[in-house]
Amino acid sequence: MKDRLLRIVDDQNQVRVFLARTTMLAEMAHQCHQTSPTASAALGRVLTAALIMASDFKNQDDFLTIRIDGGGPAGPIVASADAQGRVRGYVTNPNADLPARAPGKLAVGELVGQAGYLEVSKDMGLKEPFSGRTALVSGEIAEDLAGYFFYSEQIPSLVSLGVLVDTDISVRAAGGLLVQAMPGASDEALELLESNILNSGQISTLIDSHEKLEDIAAIIMKGMSYSIVDSMNLEFRCNCERERMLSVLASLPYEDLDSLKDEQIEIVCHFCNTRYYFNYDEIAARKSKSPGH
């Protein structure tokens, strides 16, 4: 059951639907950052949201970043995804946790907080990235993203995001659903979809109980004729590289490097928690080969 995303359009062109399974990548993020159960749920939802939004890009090199800062114990949560189904992200305080509000109901909204914002930055190869920011609605991520679509992009949207954390605190199931009305969509079509989604239960439960995304699509689109117009694989992958980190260190002034002469230098990537180690000699050697030295 690989992580995948389906794009679906009804045959009357009234709605478009994005359906994603993100279980493996959410678990990978949990393992990289050693997140608490509630932090895993929050980060998994943001990663899923970023992938769904990025899947709508036309160019392969386009990417976006979602940043959510609600003032809660989790601190800011960041996820960056590209048009090829790759995502990376982090939660500032991965060990932060709160008691569940009810059995199976993690306190994501409380961990994220509501006194803040959701910001989306889209880099589509233009001179300046497009950025939009809206106030948080609940800190639950899905409602906040629906608010962003409505207020920042003027698109009525239904958003469902979920992460099911197992008893061993691993991610058992994760996924997301985005439904957007097309111009001229009938009330009947929208009401039918909304009823199907409400009756189908939580998206994480659907992901957990169905091997094929196509079977979940049939449940959501029941009573409507539709087509799956695209399918893509998804993965948690960071683009950090040791060579890039070394180049950054080599750009430091010599006086700054000299203070590190007798130390092992460690750099940690925020997005994937990978640790890179360097010594003075290799940094100095790279610096001597740099232009202008």
Protein backbone atom coordinates (compact mmCIF):
# COMPACT_ATOMS: atom_id res chain seq x y z
CA MET A 1 0.00 0.00 0.00
CA LYS A 2 2.24 2.75 -1.30
CA ASP A 3 1.53 6.38 -0.57
CA ARG A 4 -0.40 7.75 -3.52
CA LEU A 5 -2.61 10.61 -4.59
CA LEU A 6 -5.59 10.50 -6.94
CA ARG A 7 -7.10 13.46 -8.76
CA ILE A 8 -10.76 12.93 -9.58
CA VAL A 9 -13.24 14.95 -11.64
CA ASP A 10 -16.94 14.22 -12.00
CA ASP A 11 -18.19 13.80 -15.56
CA GLN A 12 -20.30 16.96 -15.33
CA ASN A 13 -17.24 19.05 -14.37
CA GLN A 14 -18.86 20.29 -11.17
CA VAL A 15 -16.28 19.23 -8.62
CA ARG A 16 -12.69 18.12 -8.41
CA VAL A 17 -11.42 15.82 -5.70
CA PHE A 18 -7.92 15.12 -4.38
CA LEU A 19 -7.54 11.90 -2.37
CA ALA A 20 -4.22 10.94 -0.75
CA ARG A 21 -2.79 8.08 1.28
CA THR A 22 0.24 9.34 3.26
CA THR A 23 0.76 6.62 5.87
CA MET A 24 4.34 5.69 5.05
CA LEU A 25 5.63 9.24 4.72
CA ALA A 26 3.91 10.33 7.94
CA GLU A 27 5.59 7.39 9.71
CA MET A 28 8.91 8.35 8.13
CA ALA A 29 8.50 11.88 9.48
CA HIS A 30 7.70 10.43 12.91
CA GLN A 31 10.84 8.31 12.83
CA CYS A 32 13.04 11.19 11.63
CA HIS A 33 11.84 13.64 14.26
CA GLN A 34 10.84 11.21 17.05
CA THR A 35 7.53 13.02 17.41
CA SER A 36 5.03 12.49 20.19
CA PRO A 37 1.66 10.96 19.17
CA THR A 38 -0.10 14.33 18.95
CA ALA A 39 2.85 15.98 17.19
CA SER A 40 2.87 13.08 14.69
CA ALA A 41 -0.78 13.74 13.96
CA ALA A 42 -0.25 17.48 13.51
CA LEU A 43 2.83 17.10 11.31
CA GLY A 44 1.24 14.32 9.25
CA ARG A 45 -1.77 16.51 8.51
CA VAL A 46 0.39 19.42 7.37
CA LEU A 47 2.57 17.16 5.19
CA THR A 48 -0.57 15.73 3.57
CA ALA A 49 -2.03 19.18 2.98
CA ALA A 50 1.19 20.37 1.31
CA LEU A 51 1.26 17.36 -1.02
CA ILE A 52 -2.37 17.80 -2.04
CA MET A 53 -1.86 21.47 -2.83
CA ALA A 54 1.43 20.90 -4.68
CA SER A 55 -0.13 18.18 -6.85
CA ASP A 56 -2.11 20.92 -8.60
CA PHE A 57 1.01 22.62 -9.99
CA LYS A 58 1.51 22.56 -13.75
CA ASN A 59 5.33 22.62 -13.79
CA GLN A 60 7.52 19.91 -12.26
CA ASP A 61 9.89 22.44 -10.65
CA ASP A 62 7.13 24.31 -8.79
CA PHE A 63 6.89 23.85 -5.03
CA LEU A 64 5.11 25.30 -2.03
CA THR A 65 5.64 25.68 1.67
CA ILE A 66 2.96 25.67 4.36
CA ARG A 67 3.79 27.25 7.71
CA ILE A 68 1.37 27.05 10.62
CA ASP A 69 1.99 28.91 13.85
CA GLY A 70 -0.85 28.86 16.33
CA GLY A 71 1.08 29.77 19.45
CA GLY A 72 0.58 26.32 20.97
CA PRO A 73 3.10 23.95 22.58
CA ALA A 74 4.06 22.42 19.20
CA GLY A 75 5.51 25.69 17.95
CA PRO A 76 5.54 26.44 14.23
CA ILE A 77 4.97 23.50 11.85
CA VAL A 78 6.46 23.67 8.36
CA ALA A 79 6.02 21.42 5.31
CA SER A 80 7.42 21.90 1.82
CA ALA A 81 6.20 19.83 -1.16
CA ASP A 82 6.88 19.79 -4.89
CA ALA A 83 4.84 18.86 -7.96
CA GLN A 84 6.50 15.43 -8.11
CA GLY A 85 4.98 14.15 -4.88
CA ARG A 86 7.93 14.77 -2.59
CA VAL A 87 7.51 16.42 0.80
CA ARG A 88 9.63 17.28 3.83
CA GLY A 89 8.72 19.01 7.05
CA TYR A 90 9.15 19.45 10.76
CA VAL A 91 7.42 20.48 13.95
CA THR A 92 9.48 22.86 16.09
CA ASN A 93 8.82 21.03 19.38
CA PRO A 94 8.47 17.37 18.34
CA ASN A 95 8.24 16.07 21.91
CA ALA A 96 5.36 18.35 22.89
CA ASP A 97 2.20 16.41 23.71
CA LEU A 98 -1.17 16.80 25.40
CA PRO A 99 -3.69 14.31 26.81
CA ALA A 100 -6.24 13.05 24.27
CA ARG A 101 -9.59 14.81 24.42
CA ALA A 102 -11.37 11.45 24.04
CA PRO A 103 -10.39 7.90 23.06
CA GLY A 104 -8.98 8.11 19.54
CA LYS A 105 -9.23 11.90 19.48
CA LEU A 106 -5.81 13.50 19.83
CA ALA A 107 -5.67 17.13 20.96
CA VAL A 108 -4.15 18.47 17.75
CA GLY A 109 -5.95 21.82 17.89
CA GLU A 110 -4.72 22.47 21.41
CA LEU A 111 -1.16 21.41 20.58
CA VAL A 112 -1.05 23.68 17.51
CA GLY A 113 -3.02 26.53 19.08
CA GLN A 114 -5.54 28.88 17.51
CA ALA A 115 -3.95 32.29 18.13
CA GLY A 116 -1.95 32.48 14.93
CA TYR A 117 -1.91 31.97 11.20
CA LEU A 118 -1.60 29.58 8.26
CA GLU A 119 0.72 30.82 5.53
CA VAL A 120 1.19 29.33 2.06
CA SER A 121 4.12 30.34 -0.15
CA LYS A 122 4.11 29.10 -3.75
CA ASP A 123 7.30 29.23 -5.83
CA MET A 124 6.27 28.89 -9.47
CA GLY A 125 9.38 30.25 -11.16
CA LEU A 126 8.26 33.88 -11.05
CA LYS A 127 10.33 36.77 -9.75
CA GLU A 128 8.62 36.60 -6.38
CA PRO A 129 6.82 33.66 -4.74
CA PHE A 130 3.08 34.02 -4.19
CA SER A 131 2.24 34.18 -0.49
CA GLY A 132 -1.09 34.11 1.28
CA ARG A 133 -1.83 34.17 4.98
CA THR A 134 -5.04 33.65 6.93
CA ALA A 135 -5.91 33.48 10.60
CA LEU A 136 -6.29 30.01 12.07
CA VAL A 137 -9.82 28.73 12.60
CA SER A 138 -9.23 25.88 15.03
CA GLY A 139 -5.64 24.64 14.82
CA GLU A 140 -6.98 21.30 13.55
CA ILE A 141 -5.32 21.98 10.14
CA ALA A 142 -8.18 20.82 7.87
CA GLU A 143 -10.57 23.59 8.93
CA ASP A 144 -7.72 26.08 8.75
CA LEU A 145 -6.85 25.02 5.20
CA ALA A 146 -10.50 25.31 4.14
CA GLY A 147 -10.46 28.83 5.56
CA TYR A 148 -7.30 29.62 3.62
CA PHE A 149 -8.85 28.43 0.34
CA PHE A 150 -11.99 30.48 0.95
CA TYR A 151 -10.44 33.74 2.11
CA SER A 152 -7.12 33.76 0.25
CA GLU A 153 -8.01 32.01 -3.02
CA GLN A 154 -11.80 32.43 -3.04
CA ILE A 155 -12.40 28.70 -3.60
CA PRO A 156 -15.13 26.97 -1.54
CA SER A 157 -13.49 23.76 -0.32
CA LEU A 158 -14.15 20.78 1.89
CA VAL A 159 -10.98 19.48 3.54
CA SER A 160 -10.46 16.33 5.59
CA LEU A 161 -7.06 15.37 7.02
CA GLY A 162 -6.33 12.55 9.43
CA VAL A 163 -3.54 10.61 11.10
CA LEU A 164 -4.26 7.44 13.08
CA VAL A 165 -1.54 6.76 15.66
CA ASP A 166 -1.17 3.15 16.85
CA THR A 167 -0.64 1.96 20.43
CA ASP A 168 3.12 1.74 19.82
CA ILE A 169 2.98 5.46 18.75
CA SER A 170 3.77 4.58 15.11
CA VAL A 171 1.55 5.99 12.38
CA ARG A 172 -0.97 3.34 11.45
CA ALA A 173 -2.84 5.30 8.77
CA ALA A 174 -2.75 8.81 7.34
CA GLY A 175 -4.35 10.61 4.46
CA GLY A 176 -6.34 13.53 3.21
CA LEU A 177 -9.24 14.61 1.06
CA LEU A 178 -9.85 17.91 -0.70
CA VAL A 179 -13.09 18.67 -2.55
CA GLN A 180 -13.43 21.90 -4.50
CA ALA A 181 -16.48 23.22 -6.30
CA MET A 182 -16.06 24.21 -9.93
CA PRO A 183 -17.84 27.28 -11.34
CA GLY A 184 -21.50 26.47 -11.87
CA ALA A 185 -21.55 23.46 -9.55
CA SER A 186 -25.10 22.53 -8.56
CA ASP A 187 -26.25 22.48 -4.96
CA GLU A 188 -27.47 18.92 -5.48
CA ALA A 189 -23.99 17.68 -6.48
CA LEU A 190 -22.32 19.42 -3.56
CA GLU A 191 -24.92 18.14 -1.08
CA LEU A 192 -24.49 14.58 -2.38
CA LEU A 193 -20.73 14.71 -1.97
CA GLU A 194 -20.98 16.26 1.48
CA SER A 195 -23.44 13.55 2.55
CA ASN A 196 -21.17 10.79 1.21
CA ILE A 197 -18.18 12.19 3.07
CA LEU A 198 -20.04 12.69 6.35
CA ASN A 199 -21.43 9.15 6.20
CA SER A 200 -18.08 7.56 5.38
CA GLY A 201 -16.40 8.51 8.67
CA GLN A 202 -12.92 9.83 9.34
CA ILE A 203 -10.46 9.82 6.44
CA SER A 204 -7.81 8.05 8.54
CA THR A 205 -10.27 5.22 9.27
CA LEU A 206 -11.07 4.90 5.56
CA ILE A 207 -7.37 4.75 4.74
CA ASP A 208 -6.83 2.12 7.45
CA SER A 209 -9.68 -0.12 6.28
CA HIS A 210 -9.20 0.03 2.49
CA GLU A 211 -6.15 -1.15 0.58
CA LYS A 212 -7.04 0.70 -2.62
CA LEU A 213 -7.59 4.43 -2.90
CA GLU A 214 -9.91 3.68 -5.82
CA ASP A 215 -12.29 1.91 -3.41
CA ILE A 216 -12.36 4.99 -1.17
CA ALA A 217 -12.98 7.15 -4.24
CA ALA A 218 -16.02 5.02 -5.07
CA ILE A 219 -17.43 5.62 -1.57
CA ILE A 220 -16.89 9.38 -1.74
CA MET A 221 -18.25 9.71 -5.29
CA LYS A 222 -21.22 7.37 -4.80
CA GLY A 223 -24.15 8.46 -6.96
CA MET A 224 -21.94 10.45 -9.36
CA SER A 225 -20.18 9.43 -12.56
CA TYR A 226 -16.51 10.39 -12.42
CA SER A 227 -13.03 9.81 -13.81
CA ILE A 228 -9.64 9.44 -12.14
CA VAL A 229 -7.59 11.88 -14.20
CA ASP A 230 -4.23 11.44 -12.49
CA SER A 231 -2.37 9.23 -10.02
CA MET A 232 1.01 9.94 -8.46
CA ASN A 233 3.28 8.35 -5.87
CA LEU A 234 4.14 10.29 -2.72
CA GLU A 235 7.18 10.18 -0.45
CA PHE A 236 8.94 11.93 2.41
CA ARG A 237 12.23 13.10 0.91
CA CYS A 238 14.54 15.91 1.93
CA ASN A 239 16.81 17.67 -0.56
CA CYS A 240 19.55 18.46 1.93
CA GLU A 241 23.07 17.37 0.91
CA ARG A 242 26.42 17.22 2.66
CA GLU A 243 28.10 19.06 -0.22
CA ARG A 244 25.64 21.92 0.05
CA MET A 245 26.22 22.18 3.80
CA LEU A 246 29.99 22.20 3.23
CA SER A 247 29.66 25.03 0.72
CA VAL A 248 27.72 27.09 3.26
CA LEU A 249 30.41 26.58 5.89
CA ALA A 250 33.13 27.43 3.35
CA SER A 251 31.45 30.79 2.77
CA LEU A 252 32.06 31.87 6.38
CA PRO A 253 34.84 34.42 7.05
CA TYR A 254 38.18 32.94 8.13
CA GLU A 255 37.93 34.62 11.54
CA ASP A 256 34.70 32.70 12.22
CA LEU A 257 36.22 29.42 11.04
CA ASP A 258 39.35 29.90 13.15
CA SER A 259 37.24 29.84 16.30
CA LEU A 260 36.12 26.33 15.31
CA LYS A 261 39.60 25.01 14.52
CA ASP A 262 39.75 22.39 17.27
CA GLU A 263 36.09 21.34 17.19
CA GLN A 264 33.97 18.92 15.26
CA ILE A 265 31.23 20.93 13.58
CA GLU A 266 27.71 19.51 13.49
CA ILE A 267 24.89 20.81 11.29
CA VAL A 268 21.37 19.40 11.69
CA CYS A 269 18.77 19.69 8.92
CA HIS A 270 15.50 21.02 10.34
CA PHE A 271 13.41 19.20 7.75
CA CYS A 272 14.70 15.63 8.16
CA ASN A 273 16.87 15.77 11.31
CA THR A 274 19.90 14.40 9.43
CA ARG A 275 23.18 15.30 11.12
CA TYR A 276 26.26 16.25 9.14
CA TYR A 277 29.76 16.44 10.67
CA PHE A 278 32.70 18.49 9.42
CA ASN A 279 36.21 19.40 10.55
CA TYR A 280 38.20 22.55 10.03
CA ASP A 281 40.61 21.08 7.49
CA GLU A 282 37.98 20.01 4.98
CA ILE A 283 36.14 23.34 5.29
CA ALA A 284 39.38 25.27 4.77
CA ALA A 285 40.24 23.08 1.77
CA ARG A 286 36.85 23.80 0.19
CA LYS A 287 37.19 27.50 0.97
CA SER A 288 40.58 27.67 -0.79
CA LYS A 289 38.96 26.32 -3.96
CA SER A 290 36.11 28.84 -3.86
CA PRO A 291 36.10 31.79 -6.31
CA GLY A 292 37.91 34.79 -4.86
CA HIS A 293 40.20 32.79 -2.59
